[in-house]
Amino acid sequence: MSKLRTYWDSRSLFGKIVMAIALPIFAIVAGIEHLIARMTGATYNEVNIIVYYLIIPLSWTLMFDYITKMAAKCTIKRSYP
């Protein structure tokens, strides 16, 4: 426990805030991935690779496509005399 305390004390306030936010999020995501792995019979590493190399990039691509199409519809074309 002293190594953990030493590590925590060596971090800046910003580092402590980031860790306090990121660790619970990581624990939730890892728990969901473990659950998916158990349900599908895959390993945690396989699920992790599918999520981070396929699902997340695909979701960002779809969001970007949706936003650009929405922005294209919102542009007003004015005809000047």
Protein backbone atom coordinates (compact mmCIF):
# COMPACT_ATOMS: atom_id res chain seq x y z
CA MET A 1 0.00 0.00 0.00
CA SER A 2 2.92 2.35 0.57
CA LYS A 3 3.89 2.20 -3.11
CA LEU A 4 0.39 3.30 -4.07
CA ARG A 5 0.49 6.11 -1.51
CA THR A 6 3.90 7.23 -2.77
CA TYR A 7 2.66 7.19 -6.36
CA TRP A 8 -0.48 9.16 -5.42
CA ASP A 9 1.53 11.74 -3.50
CA SER A 10 3.91 12.23 -6.44
CA ARG A 11 1.08 13.25 -8.81
CA SER A 12 0.02 16.84 -9.39
CA LEU A 13 -3.47 18.04 -8.56
CA PHE A 14 -4.41 17.84 -12.24
CA GLY A 15 -3.12 14.27 -12.42
CA LYS A 16 -5.14 13.32 -9.35
CA ILE A 17 -8.31 14.83 -10.84
CA VAL A 18 -7.77 12.99 -14.13
CA MET A 19 -7.21 9.70 -12.32
CA ALA A 20 -10.26 10.24 -10.10
CA ILE A 21 -12.41 10.72 -13.21
CA ALA A 22 -10.80 8.18 -15.53
CA LEU A 23 -10.49 5.18 -13.21
CA PRO A 24 -14.22 4.73 -12.52
CA ILE A 25 -15.00 5.14 -16.23
CA PHE A 26 -12.35 2.55 -17.10
CA ALA A 27 -13.75 0.17 -14.47
CA ILE A 28 -17.26 0.47 -15.94
CA VAL A 29 -16.08 -0.03 -19.55
CA ALA A 30 -13.87 -2.97 -18.59
CA GLY A 31 -16.74 -4.54 -16.66
CA ILE A 32 -19.05 -4.25 -19.67
CA GLU A 33 -16.39 -5.75 -21.93
CA HIS A 34 -15.91 -8.67 -19.50
CA LEU A 35 -19.67 -9.22 -19.50
CA ILE A 36 -19.80 -9.22 -23.32
CA ALA A 37 -16.85 -11.63 -23.40
CA ARG A 38 -18.61 -14.04 -21.04
CA MET A 39 -21.87 -13.82 -23.00
CA THR A 40 -20.25 -14.41 -26.39
CA GLY A 41 -17.54 -16.87 -25.39
CA ALA A 42 -14.82 -14.52 -26.64
CA THR A 43 -11.91 -13.35 -24.54
CA TYR A 44 -11.73 -9.89 -22.98
CA ASN A 45 -8.85 -9.00 -25.33
CA GLU A 46 -10.87 -9.96 -28.41
CA VAL A 47 -13.81 -7.85 -27.28
CA ASN A 48 -11.48 -4.96 -26.45
CA ILE A 49 -9.94 -5.04 -29.93
CA ILE A 50 -13.36 -5.17 -31.61
CA VAL A 51 -14.62 -2.23 -29.54
CA TYR A 52 -11.59 0.05 -29.89
CA TYR A 53 -10.58 -0.79 -33.46
CA LEU A 54 -13.97 -1.29 -35.08
CA ILE A 55 -16.97 -0.01 -33.14
CA ILE A 56 -15.57 3.29 -31.83
CA PRO A 57 -13.99 4.41 -35.14
CA LEU A 58 -17.15 3.40 -37.00
CA SER A 59 -19.31 5.39 -34.58
CA TRP A 60 -17.12 8.48 -35.06
CA THR A 61 -17.33 8.08 -38.83
CA LEU A 62 -21.12 7.81 -38.70
CA MET A 63 -21.38 10.86 -36.43
CA PHE A 64 -19.12 12.89 -38.74
CA ASP A 65 -21.18 11.83 -41.76
CA TYR A 66 -24.44 12.75 -40.02
CA ILE A 67 -23.13 16.14 -38.91
CA THR A 68 -21.78 17.06 -42.34
CA LYS A 69 -25.05 16.04 -44.04
CA MET A 70 -27.02 18.02 -41.48
CA ALA A 71 -24.80 21.05 -42.00
CA ALA A 72 -25.21 20.79 -45.76
CA LYS A 73 -29.00 20.84 -45.39
CA CYS A 74 -28.86 23.89 -43.12
CA THR A 75 -26.96 26.10 -45.50
CA ILE A 76 -29.18 28.69 -47.06
CA LYS A 77 -28.54 29.42 -50.69
CA ARG A 78 -29.39 32.99 -51.46
CA SER A 79 -29.80 34.30 -54.90
CA TYR A 80 -28.79 37.90 -55.27
CA PRO A 81 -30.32 40.05 -58.01
